Structure formats: C-alpha cells, structure tokens
Amino acid sequence: MPIGAITGYIDVAQVTLYVFWLFFAALIIYLHRENKREGYPLESDRSDKVKVQGYPPVPPVKEYRLPDGRVMVTHRPDTREVLAEPVAKWPGAPLQPTGDPMVDGVGAAAYAERADVPEEDLFGNHRIVPLRVATDFKVTKGDPDPRGMQVIGLDDKIAGTVKDVWVDRSEIRIRYLEVDVANVEPARQVLVPMTLVKLRQVDRVKTDVPIDQRLLDKPGRPREVVVKSVMAHHFDKAPLLKNPDQVTLLEEDKITAFFGGGHLYANPGRQEPLL
C-alpha cells in the first residue's frame, strides 16, 4: 500500500481535494444567500402573494449595530407607492411615470430610503456642512469661489445665486453648492451636487443672461455656475433641508436623485430615442 493511503484506492490528497470542493460549493451558496439581504424577495407582476426569491432562499433578518448606537435591520420592506404604471399588460413591462418623476422619485430619479440622520465622521461631527459651520475650511487661494455666482439652468435662464459651499470634512472636498433660488416666495435654498455643475467664464458680449454687477466687479473674468441636468424652474421644486446647516443621508439621496434624474426627465425630448 502506498505511503499516505487510507485504503488501496483512497489517499490523503484525494480526500483533501474532495473536502476543498465541498467547502468551495458551500462558500458559493453562502455568499449567494447573503447577497439577498437587500432587494429580496422580488415582487411578482402576476400576484401580490407570489414572492420570487430563487435558490438559496432569503436569509433570516439580521441586525447591524452601528458605532453611534443605532441598530439597522435588513429586509426593511419598501412600502412607498410607485407612481408609475406598466406600458403594456405583459409581465415585466417597463414602467412609465404617471406624474412628475423628478418629484415622485421614480425611474432615473428614484432614491433609497436611507437613514434620515446626518452622516458623521470618526470624531462624531457632522461630515458634510456649509463653510459657515466649518469655519476652519476655506476655498483655496487662486481657485474660483462659487459664492455669489449666478446659477444657470440648461434653458440658459437664471435659477438663483450660490449662497454657500458645503464641504466634506473627511475627504476635504466640495460636495454641494447651496443655491438661493431666484424669484420665489418664501425664499428657499436648495443644495446642488458639485459633480453636476460646471463653472464657466461669462462672455459679456455673447451671453443673453443678465450679469450681476457684483460678478463684473470681481478681479479676472467673471464666472457663472451651469447646471445642465435641469432647467431654472426646476429649482422651485428641488428637495429642501429640514435643518439649514445639516444634510441627512436620506436628503442626500433625494437631492442626487432629483438633479441626476433631470438628465432624463427635465426635458421631454430627452426621453425620446436618438434616431
């Protein structure tokens, strides 16, 4: 009998290989099961009583204890009404918004129901705050300061004026621009994601937009903030903050979904095929 053989036809190497195969198969099943903690079970178009979960089934509810003492539970059902209807009667048909998708939060403007609390840094401070709160931050000398600049929508109309800059204390970067919306009563301030704006130089001759004299008085060529995803009148219905000096995780999702969804819904022509 060969050295290391258990019997005449089974040795240690063969047993090790079989154990590895079993372990790897169990690992795949476990990971696939854990992957179903969010978004499952799926809902069926045929009946509300049919729950689609596949194999392996959805794992049991699990609680996650967060550093701030809160407890997050998986499998939280989303009970929001979907303000959209199928374009056809066959199962799986695409949904078409029945109202204003940017406000209703459907399609490209959909958002997740995250916790309605501000995100904190490692020291327990609010992570994203305006410069009027983060007094130890400032715009780098030599870079354009957006405060005071006019905000222009994709329709080349004035949406408002940048009131303040919101910074991320952890990543040391600008996250949002706070815009004082023009020509609305009562006054309203909305946040616009910095990743969806562009600072461009104003051409005094070619522009059809009235230029604020304060911008012309600044040294160098005047600049303006352009938001190409929405029109100026969309700022009138953009999500607002509960607290003017802090933004919650839920509010961030709503803001990003609103302005991001504008790339599809702000202009009806954007929803049509290119050809």
C-alpha atoms as a PDB file:
ATOM      1  CA  MET A   1       0.000   0.000   0.000  1.00  0.00           C
ATOM      2  CA  PRO A   2       1.460   3.437  -0.934  1.00  0.00           C
ATOM      3  CA  ILE A   3       2.602   5.766   1.828  1.00  0.00           C
ATOM      4  CA  GLY A   4      -0.272   8.125   2.906  1.00  0.00           C
ATOM      5  CA  ALA A   5      -3.034   5.895   1.512  1.00  0.00           C
ATOM      6  CA  ILE A   6      -6.124   5.302   3.663  1.00  0.00           C
ATOM      7  CA  THR A   7      -7.174   2.294   1.640  1.00  0.00           C
ATOM      8  CA  GLY A   8      -5.946   0.731  -1.526  1.00  0.00           C
ATOM      9  CA  TYR A   9      -7.682   3.363  -3.692  1.00  0.00           C
ATOM     10  CA  ILE A  10      -8.119   6.485  -1.424  1.00  0.00           C
ATOM     11  CA  ASP A  11      -5.219   8.633  -0.221  1.00  0.00           C
ATOM     12  CA  VAL A  12      -4.901  11.880   1.763  1.00  0.00           C
ATOM     13  CA  ALA A  13      -4.521  14.084  -1.330  1.00  0.00           C
ATOM     14  CA  GLN A  14      -7.765  12.766  -2.787  1.00  0.00           C
ATOM     15  CA  VAL A  15      -9.668  13.347   0.465  1.00  0.00           C
ATOM     16  CA  THR A  16      -8.232  16.874   0.675  1.00  0.00           C
ATOM     17  CA  LEU A  17      -9.440  17.620  -2.854  1.00  0.00           C
ATOM     18  CA  TYR A  18     -12.971  16.412  -2.044  1.00  0.00           C
ATOM     19  CA  VAL A  19     -13.053  18.489   1.157  1.00  0.00           C
ATOM     20  CA  PHE A  20     -11.966  21.568  -0.808  1.00  0.00           C
ATOM     21  CA  TRP A  21     -14.716  21.023  -3.378  1.00  0.00           C
ATOM     22  CA  LEU A  22     -17.351  20.742  -0.642  1.00  0.00           C
ATOM     23  CA  PHE A  23     -16.020  23.834   1.135  1.00  0.00           C
ATOM     24  CA  PHE A  24     -15.959  25.888  -2.089  1.00  0.00           C
ATOM     25  CA  ALA A  25     -19.522  24.825  -3.007  1.00  0.00           C
ATOM     26  CA  ALA A  26     -20.755  25.766   0.484  1.00  0.00           C
ATOM     27  CA  LEU A  27     -18.967  29.130   0.226  1.00  0.00           C
ATOM     28  CA  ILE A  28     -20.671  29.942  -3.086  1.00  0.00           C
ATOM     29  CA  ILE A  29     -24.100  29.057  -1.687  1.00  0.00           C
ATOM     30  CA  TYR A  30     -23.443  31.121   1.477  1.00  0.00           C
ATOM     31  CA  LEU A  31     -22.317  34.216  -0.428  1.00  0.00           C
ATOM     32  CA  HIS A  32     -25.224  33.966  -2.863  1.00  0.00           C
ATOM     33  CA  ARG A  33     -27.599  33.711   0.096  1.00  0.00           C
ATOM     34  CA  GLU A  34     -26.057  36.685   1.892  1.00  0.00           C
ATOM     35  CA  ASN A  35     -26.342  38.678  -1.360  1.00  0.00           C
ATOM     36  CA  LYS A  36     -30.117  38.504  -0.975  1.00  0.00           C
ATOM     37  CA  ARG A  37     -30.261  40.577   2.202  1.00  0.00           C
ATOM     38  CA  GLU A  38     -31.223  43.653   0.153  1.00  0.00           C
ATOM     39  CA  GLY A  39     -33.812  43.692  -2.620  1.00  0.00           C
ATOM     40  CA  TYR A  40     -35.299  40.266  -1.956  1.00  0.00           C
ATOM     41  CA  PRO A  41     -37.770  38.702  -2.142  1.00  0.00           C
ATOM     42  CA  LEU A  42     -38.722  40.115  -5.536  1.00  0.00           C
ATOM     43  CA  GLU A  43     -42.299  41.141  -6.261  1.00  0.00           C
ATOM     44  CA  SER A  44     -44.259  39.394  -8.970  1.00  0.00           C
ATOM     45  CA  ASP A  45     -46.370  41.140 -11.595  1.00  0.00           C
ATOM     46  CA  ARG A  46     -48.792  38.200 -11.521  1.00  0.00           C
ATOM     47  CA  SER A  47     -49.875  38.377  -7.889  1.00  0.00           C
ATOM     48  CA  ASP A  48     -49.002  40.163  -4.658  1.00  0.00           C
ATOM     49  CA  LYS A  49     -48.924  36.778  -2.937  1.00  0.00           C
ATOM     50  CA  VAL A  50     -46.109  35.444  -5.125  1.00  0.00           C
ATOM     51  CA  LYS A  51     -42.629  36.141  -3.764  1.00  0.00           C
ATOM     52  CA  VAL A  52     -39.681  35.395  -6.017  1.00  0.00           C
ATOM     53  CA  GLN A  53     -36.514  34.506  -4.132  1.00  0.00           C
ATOM     54  CA  GLY A  54     -34.913  31.640  -6.048  1.00  0.00           C
ATOM     55  CA  TYR A  55     -32.338  29.305  -4.537  1.00  0.00           C
ATOM     56  CA  PRO A  56     -30.961  29.563  -1.955  1.00  0.00           C
ATOM     57  CA  PRO A  57     -33.825  31.311  -0.124  1.00  0.00           C
ATOM     58  CA  VAL A  58     -33.596  34.710   1.532  1.00  0.00           C
ATOM     59  CA  PRO A  59     -31.555  34.561   4.789  1.00  0.00           C
ATOM     60  CA  PRO A  60     -33.162  35.439   8.130  1.00  0.00           C
ATOM     61  CA  VAL A  61     -33.340  39.023   9.358  1.00  0.00           C
ATOM     62  CA  LYS A  62     -30.038  40.344  10.668  1.00  0.00           C
ATOM     63  CA  GLU A  63     -29.283  43.348  12.868  1.00  0.00           C
ATOM     64  CA  TYR A  64     -26.239  45.567  12.474  1.00  0.00           C
ATOM     65  CA  ARG A  65     -25.151  47.680  15.426  1.00  0.00           C
ATOM     66  CA  LEU A  66     -23.678  50.978  14.248  1.00  0.00           C
ATOM     67  CA  PRO A  67     -20.958  52.972  16.059  1.00  0.00           C
ATOM     68  CA  ASP A  68     -23.467  55.627  17.175  1.00  0.00           C
ATOM     69  CA  GLY A  69     -25.621  53.031  18.949  1.00  0.00           C
ATOM     70  CA  ARG A  70     -28.323  52.735  16.305  1.00  0.00           C
ATOM     71  CA  VAL A  71     -29.436  49.322  15.074  1.00  0.00           C
ATOM     72  CA  MET A  72     -30.003  48.760  11.354  1.00  0.00           C
ATOM     73  CA  VAL A  73     -32.213  45.852  10.345  1.00  0.00           C
ATOM     74  CA  THR A  74     -32.041  44.151   6.951  1.00  0.00           C
ATOM     75  CA  HIS A  75     -35.105  43.210   4.891  1.00  0.00           C
ATOM     76  CA  ARG A  76     -36.864  46.508   5.551  1.00  0.00           C
ATOM     77  CA  PRO A  77     -39.898  46.476   3.255  1.00  0.00           C
ATOM     78  CA  ASP A  78     -40.320  49.481   0.966  1.00  0.00           C
ATOM     79  CA  THR A  79     -43.971  50.455   1.359  1.00  0.00           C
ATOM     80  CA  ARG A  80     -43.829  53.573  -0.833  1.00  0.00           C
ATOM     81  CA  GLU A  81     -46.386  53.818  -3.609  1.00  0.00           C
ATOM     82  CA  VAL A  82     -44.786  53.560  -7.040  1.00  0.00           C
ATOM     83  CA  LEU A  83     -46.245  56.431  -9.045  1.00  0.00           C
ATOM     84  CA  ALA A  84     -45.790  54.676 -12.378  1.00  0.00           C
ATOM     85  CA  GLU A  85     -47.694  52.159 -14.454  1.00  0.00           C
ATOM     86  CA  PRO A  86     -46.658  49.449 -16.948  1.00  0.00           C
ATOM     87  CA  VAL A  87     -46.640  50.467 -20.604  1.00  0.00           C
ATOM     88  CA  ALA A  88     -48.097  47.067 -21.529  1.00  0.00           C
ATOM     89  CA  LYS A  89     -50.026  44.233 -19.883  1.00  0.00           C
ATOM     90  CA  TRP A  90     -47.365  41.565 -20.220  1.00  0.00           C
ATOM     91  CA  PRO A  91     -45.316  40.721 -17.095  1.00  0.00           C
ATOM     92  CA  GLY A  92     -42.090  42.662 -16.777  1.00  0.00           C
ATOM     93  CA  ALA A  93     -43.232  45.573 -18.953  1.00  0.00           C
ATOM     94  CA  PRO A  94     -41.328  48.838 -18.350  1.00  0.00           C
ATOM     95  CA  LEU A  95     -42.922  51.381 -16.028  1.00  0.00           C
ATOM     96  CA  GLN A  96     -43.958  54.810 -17.234  1.00  0.00           C
ATOM     97  CA  PRO A  97     -44.266  57.661 -14.675  1.00  0.00           C
ATOM     98  CA  THR A  98     -47.820  58.881 -14.068  1.00  0.00           C
ATOM     99  CA  GLY A  99     -46.829  62.247 -12.622  1.00  0.00           C
ATOM    100  CA  ASP A 100     -43.656  64.290 -12.237  1.00  0.00           C
ATOM    101  CA  PRO A 101     -40.927  61.617 -11.964  1.00  0.00           C
ATOM    102  CA  MET A 102     -38.348  64.049 -10.580  1.00  0.00           C
ATOM    103  CA  VAL A 103     -40.613  64.811  -7.616  1.00  0.00           C
ATOM    104  CA  ASP A 104     -42.185  61.357  -7.297  1.00  0.00           C
ATOM    105  CA  GLY A 105     -38.793  59.630  -7.218  1.00  0.00           C
ATOM    106  CA  VAL A 106     -39.303  57.004  -9.907  1.00  0.00           C
ATOM    107  CA  GLY A 107     -37.162  55.751 -12.768  1.00  0.00           C
ATOM    108  CA  ALA A 108     -33.898  57.640 -13.152  1.00  0.00           C
ATOM    109  CA  ALA A 109     -34.909  59.886 -10.228  1.00  0.00           C
ATOM    110  CA  ALA A 110     -35.507  57.019  -7.790  1.00  0.00           C
ATOM    111  CA  TYR A 111     -33.790  57.051  -4.404  1.00  0.00           C
ATOM    112  CA  ALA A 112     -33.305  54.675  -1.490  1.00  0.00           C
ATOM    113  CA  GLU A 113     -34.855  55.241   1.931  1.00  0.00           C
ATOM    114  CA  ARG A 114     -31.640  55.750   3.821  1.00  0.00           C
ATOM    115  CA  ALA A 115     -31.498  56.841   7.444  1.00  0.00           C
ATOM    116  CA  ASP A 116     -32.832  60.353   7.997  1.00  0.00           C
ATOM    117  CA  VAL A 117     -29.801  61.361  10.074  1.00  0.00           C
ATOM    118  CA  PRO A 118     -26.610  63.245   9.139  1.00  0.00           C
ATOM    119  CA  GLU A 119     -23.506  61.232   8.353  1.00  0.00           C
ATOM    120  CA  GLU A 120     -20.781  61.605  10.968  1.00  0.00           C
ATOM    121  CA  ASP A 121     -17.005  61.472  10.810  1.00  0.00           C
ATOM    122  CA  LEU A 122     -14.702  59.485  13.110  1.00  0.00           C
ATOM    123  CA  PHE A 123     -14.949  62.190  15.766  1.00  0.00           C
ATOM    124  CA  GLY A 124     -18.755  62.287  15.874  1.00  0.00           C
ATOM    125  CA  ASN A 125     -19.063  65.575  13.970  1.00  0.00           C
ATOM    126  CA  HIS A 126     -21.396  66.101  11.039  1.00  0.00           C
ATOM    127  CA  ARG A 127     -19.388  65.166   7.975  1.00  0.00           C
ATOM    128  CA  ILE A 128     -20.953  67.444   5.333  1.00  0.00           C
ATOM    129  CA  VAL A 129     -21.585  71.028   6.422  1.00  0.00           C
ATOM    130  CA  PRO A 130     -21.513  74.535   4.896  1.00  0.00           C
ATOM    131  CA  LEU A 131     -18.466  76.757   5.209  1.00  0.00           C
ATOM    132  CA  ARG A 132     -20.395  78.960   7.636  1.00  0.00           C
ATOM    133  CA  VAL A 133     -20.255  75.984  10.027  1.00  0.00           C
ATOM    134  CA  ALA A 134     -16.861  74.562   9.032  1.00  0.00           C
ATOM    135  CA  THR A 135     -15.052  77.794   9.780  1.00  0.00           C
ATOM    136  CA  ASP A 136     -11.671  76.042   9.629  1.00  0.00           C
ATOM    137  CA  PHE A 137     -12.192  75.374   5.885  1.00  0.00           C
ATOM    138  CA  LYS A 138     -11.883  77.868   3.041  1.00  0.00           C
ATOM    139  CA  VAL A 139     -11.652  77.988  -0.735  1.00  0.00           C
ATOM    140  CA  THR A 140      -8.042  77.670  -1.835  1.00  0.00           C
ATOM    141  CA  LYS A 141      -6.462  80.935  -2.858  1.00  0.00           C
ATOM    142  CA  GLY A 142      -6.350  81.142  -6.624  1.00  0.00           C
ATOM    143  CA  ASP A 143      -9.372  78.891  -7.151  1.00  0.00           C
ATOM    144  CA  PRO A 144     -12.714  80.468  -8.141  1.00  0.00           C
ATOM    145  CA  ASP A 145     -15.005  80.993  -5.159  1.00  0.00           C
ATOM    146  CA  PRO A 146     -18.547  79.986  -6.263  1.00  0.00           C
ATOM    147  CA  ARG A 147     -20.230  82.104  -3.591  1.00  0.00           C
ATOM    148  CA  GLY A 148     -22.086  84.965  -5.213  1.00  0.00           C
ATOM    149  CA  MET A 149     -22.050  83.428  -8.692  1.00  0.00           C
ATOM    150  CA  GLN A 150     -25.245  83.167 -10.692  1.00  0.00           C
ATOM    151  CA  VAL A 151     -26.644  79.676 -11.367  1.00  0.00           C
ATOM    152  CA  ILE A 152     -27.845  78.967 -14.910  1.00  0.00           C
ATOM    153  CA  GLY A 153     -30.053  76.044 -15.971  1.00  0.00           C
ATOM    154  CA  LEU A 154     -29.990  74.144 -19.248  1.00  0.00           C
ATOM    155  CA  ASP A 155     -32.517  76.649 -20.627  1.00  0.00           C
ATOM    156  CA  ASP A 156     -29.950  79.456 -20.112  1.00  0.00           C
ATOM    157  CA  LYS A 157     -32.158  81.144 -17.526  1.00  0.00           C
ATOM    158  CA  ILE A 158     -31.106  82.303 -14.071  1.00  0.00           C
ATOM    159  CA  ALA A 159     -32.041  79.774 -11.384  1.00  0.00           C
ATOM    160  CA  GLY A 160     -30.525  81.625  -8.452  1.00  0.00           C
ATOM    161  CA  THR A 161     -27.295  82.598  -6.750  1.00  0.00           C
ATOM    162  CA  VAL A 162     -24.778  80.476  -4.887  1.00  0.00           C
ATOM    163  CA  LYS A 163     -25.137  81.308  -1.216  1.00  0.00           C
ATOM    164  CA  ASP A 164     -22.617  78.938   0.359  1.00  0.00           C
ATOM    165  CA  VAL A 165     -20.342  75.961  -0.263  1.00  0.00           C
ATOM    166  CA  TRP A 166     -20.832  72.617   1.533  1.00  0.00           C
ATOM    167  CA  VAL A 167     -17.675  70.659   2.227  1.00  0.00           C
ATOM    168  CA  ASP A 168     -16.889  67.075   3.209  1.00  0.00           C
ATOM    169  CA  ARG A 169     -14.761  67.255   6.346  1.00  0.00           C
ATOM    170  CA  SER A 170     -13.455  63.705   5.882  1.00  0.00           C
ATOM    171  CA  GLU A 171     -12.455  63.830   2.213  1.00  0.00           C
ATOM    172  CA  ILE A 172     -11.616  67.564   2.126  1.00  0.00           C
ATOM    173  CA  ARG A 173     -13.653  68.367  -0.956  1.00  0.00           C
ATOM    174  CA  ILE A 174     -16.708  70.357  -2.029  1.00  0.00           C
ATOM    175  CA  ARG A 175     -19.861  68.231  -2.066  1.00  0.00           C
ATOM    176  CA  TYR A 176     -22.697  70.692  -2.706  1.00  0.00           C
ATOM    177  CA  LEU A 177     -23.402  74.280  -3.650  1.00  0.00           C
ATOM    178  CA  GLU A 178     -26.178  75.980  -1.708  1.00  0.00           C
ATOM    179  CA  VAL A 179     -28.309  77.971  -4.116  1.00  0.00           C
ATOM    180  CA  ASP A 180     -30.605  80.820  -3.141  1.00  0.00           C
ATOM    181  CA  VAL A 181     -33.418  80.264  -5.643  1.00  0.00           C
ATOM    182  CA  ALA A 182     -34.413  83.359  -7.606  1.00  0.00           C
ATOM    183  CA  ASN A 183     -37.888  84.907  -7.763  1.00  0.00           C
ATOM    184  CA  VAL A 184     -39.682  82.644  -5.274  1.00  0.00           C
ATOM    185  CA  GLU A 185     -41.657  83.478  -2.163  1.00  0.00           C
ATOM    186  CA  PRO A 186     -40.990  82.469   0.508  1.00  0.00           C
ATOM    187  CA  ALA A 187     -37.239  82.312  -0.031  1.00  0.00           C
ATOM    188  CA  ARG A 188     -35.796  78.835  -0.463  1.00  0.00           C
ATOM    189  CA  GLN A 189     -32.300  77.399  -0.504  1.00  0.00           C
ATOM    190  CA  VAL A 190     -31.507  74.103  -2.211  1.00  0.00           C
ATOM    191  CA  LEU A 191     -28.360  72.016  -2.499  1.00  0.00           C
ATOM    192  CA  VAL A 192     -26.921  71.076  -5.906  1.00  0.00           C
ATOM    193  CA  PRO A 193     -24.325  68.267  -6.138  1.00  0.00           C
ATOM    194  CA  MET A 194     -20.947  69.677  -7.092  1.00  0.00           C
ATOM    195  CA  THR A 195     -20.428  66.784  -9.524  1.00  0.00           C
ATOM    196  CA  LEU A 196     -23.379  68.024 -11.613  1.00  0.00           C
ATOM    197  CA  VAL A 197     -22.281  71.646 -12.043  1.00  0.00           C
ATOM    198  CA  LYS A 198     -19.705  73.409 -14.154  1.00  0.00           C
ATOM    199  CA  LEU A 199     -18.063  76.766 -13.602  1.00  0.00           C
ATOM    200  CA  ARG A 200     -17.645  78.611 -16.872  1.00  0.00           C
ATOM    201  CA  GLN A 201     -16.413  82.056 -17.760  1.00  0.00           C
ATOM    202  CA  VAL A 202     -19.033  84.589 -18.746  1.00  0.00           C
ATOM    203  CA  ASP A 203     -18.771  86.148 -22.159  1.00  0.00           C
ATOM    204  CA  ARG A 204     -20.106  89.675 -21.651  1.00  0.00           C
ATOM    205  CA  VAL A 205     -20.821  90.070 -25.329  1.00  0.00           C
ATOM    206  CA  LYS A 206     -22.339  86.726 -26.324  1.00  0.00           C
ATOM    207  CA  THR A 207     -24.383  85.931 -23.230  1.00  0.00           C
ATOM    208  CA  ASP A 208     -28.115  86.685 -23.216  1.00  0.00           C
ATOM    209  CA  VAL A 209     -28.334  86.282 -19.452  1.00  0.00           C
ATOM    210  CA  PRO A 210     -28.224  89.463 -17.345  1.00  0.00           C
ATOM    211  CA  ILE A 211     -24.964  89.545 -15.405  1.00  0.00           C
ATOM    212  CA  ASP A 212     -24.934  90.536 -11.754  1.00  0.00           C
ATOM    213  CA  GLN A 213     -22.825  93.682 -11.415  1.00  0.00           C
ATOM    214  CA  ARG A 214     -21.115  92.190  -8.363  1.00  0.00           C
ATOM    215  CA  LEU A 215     -19.636  89.495 -10.591  1.00  0.00           C
ATOM    216  CA  LEU A 216     -18.294  92.069 -13.015  1.00  0.00           C
ATOM    217  CA  ASP A 217     -16.637  93.954 -10.167  1.00  0.00           C
ATOM    218  CA  LYS A 218     -14.571  90.901  -9.158  1.00  0.00           C
ATOM    219  CA  PRO A 219     -10.990  90.652 -10.465  1.00  0.00           C
ATOM    220  CA  GLY A 220     -10.466  88.477 -13.536  1.00  0.00           C
ATOM    221  CA  ARG A 221     -13.109  87.270 -15.944  1.00  0.00           C
ATOM    222  CA  PRO A 222     -16.497  86.688 -14.277  1.00  0.00           C
ATOM    223  CA  ARG A 223     -17.762  83.125 -13.919  1.00  0.00           C
ATOM    224  CA  GLU A 224     -21.156  81.506 -13.561  1.00  0.00           C
ATOM    225  CA  VAL A 225     -22.362  78.106 -12.382  1.00  0.00           C
ATOM    226  CA  VAL A 226     -24.094  75.986 -15.025  1.00  0.00           C
ATOM    227  CA  VAL A 227     -26.396  73.066 -14.208  1.00  0.00           C
ATOM    228  CA  LYS A 228     -27.107  71.186 -17.438  1.00  0.00           C
ATOM    229  CA  SER A 229     -29.314  68.487 -15.918  1.00  0.00           C
ATOM    230  CA  VAL A 230     -32.306  70.704 -15.046  1.00  0.00           C
ATOM    231  CA  MET A 231     -33.983  73.929 -16.118  1.00  0.00           C
ATOM    232  CA  ALA A 232     -34.173  77.044 -13.980  1.00  0.00           C
ATOM    233  CA  HIS A 233     -37.811  76.485 -12.952  1.00  0.00           C
ATOM    234  CA  HIS A 234     -36.975  73.021 -11.584  1.00  0.00           C
ATOM    235  CA  PHE A 235     -35.154  74.665  -8.677  1.00  0.00           C
ATOM    236  CA  ASP A 236     -38.578  75.749  -7.395  1.00  0.00           C
ATOM    237  CA  LYS A 237     -39.415  72.128  -6.519  1.00  0.00           C
ATOM    238  CA  ALA A 238     -35.998  70.729  -5.622  1.00  0.00           C
ATOM    239  CA  PRO A 239     -35.773  68.879  -2.264  1.00  0.00           C
ATOM    240  CA  LEU A 240     -35.332  71.068   0.805  1.00  0.00           C
ATOM    241  CA  LEU A 241     -33.462  70.501   4.062  1.00  0.00           C
ATOM    242  CA  LYS A 242     -35.072  70.117   7.471  1.00  0.00           C
ATOM    243  CA  ASN A 243     -32.104  71.857   9.065  1.00  0.00           C
ATOM    244  CA  PRO A 244     -30.389  74.654   7.114  1.00  0.00           C
ATOM    245  CA  ASP A 245     -26.958  73.699   8.486  1.00  0.00           C
ATOM    246  CA  GLN A 246     -27.004  69.903   8.046  1.00  0.00           C
ATOM    247  CA  VAL A 247     -27.993  67.313   5.469  1.00  0.00           C
ATOM    248  CA  THR A 248     -29.154  63.779   6.244  1.00  0.00           C
ATOM    249  CA  LEU A 249     -28.376  60.604   4.321  1.00  0.00           C
ATOM    250  CA  LEU A 250     -31.975  60.462   3.075  1.00  0.00           C
ATOM    251  CA  GLU A 251     -31.873  64.089   1.956  1.00  0.00           C
ATOM    252  CA  GLU A 252     -28.622  63.460   0.091  1.00  0.00           C
ATOM    253  CA  ASP A 253     -30.209  60.600  -1.839  1.00  0.00           C
ATOM    254  CA  LYS A 254     -33.254  62.731  -2.695  1.00  0.00           C
ATOM    255  CA  ILE A 255     -31.106  65.650  -3.869  1.00  0.00           C
ATOM    256  CA  THR A 256     -28.834  63.495  -6.018  1.00  0.00           C
ATOM    257  CA  ALA A 257     -31.817  61.633  -7.497  1.00  0.00           C
ATOM    258  CA  PHE A 258     -33.641  64.867  -8.341  1.00  0.00           C
ATOM    259  CA  PHE A 259     -30.788  66.571 -10.167  1.00  0.00           C
ATOM    260  CA  GLY A 260     -29.409  63.343 -11.620  1.00  0.00           C
ATOM    261  CA  GLY A 261     -32.847  62.298 -12.855  1.00  0.00           C
ATOM    262  CA  GLY A 262     -33.106  65.610 -14.654  1.00  0.00           C
ATOM    263  CA  HIS A 263     -30.697  64.263 -17.274  1.00  0.00           C
ATOM    264  CA  LEU A 264     -33.643  62.157 -18.487  1.00  0.00           C
ATOM    265  CA  TYR A 265     -36.783  63.907 -17.271  1.00  0.00           C
ATOM    266  CA  ALA A 266     -36.035  67.666 -17.272  1.00  0.00           C
ATOM    267  CA  ASN A 267     -36.774  67.938 -20.983  1.00  0.00           C
ATOM    268  CA  PRO A 268     -39.386  65.665 -22.643  1.00  0.00           C
ATOM    269  CA  GLY A 269     -37.137  65.402 -25.694  1.00  0.00           C
ATOM    270  CA  ARG A 270     -34.525  63.586 -23.641  1.00  0.00           C
ATOM    271  CA  GLN A 271     -36.835  60.614 -23.196  1.00  0.00           C
ATOM    272  CA  GLU A 272     -37.167  60.006 -26.913  1.00  0.00           C
ATOM    273  CA  PRO A 273     -34.837  57.789 -28.989  1.00  0.00           C
ATOM    274  CA  LEU A 274     -31.892  59.409 -30.715  1.00  0.00           C
ATOM    275  CA  LEU A 275     -32.952  58.190 -34.161  1.00  0.00           C
END
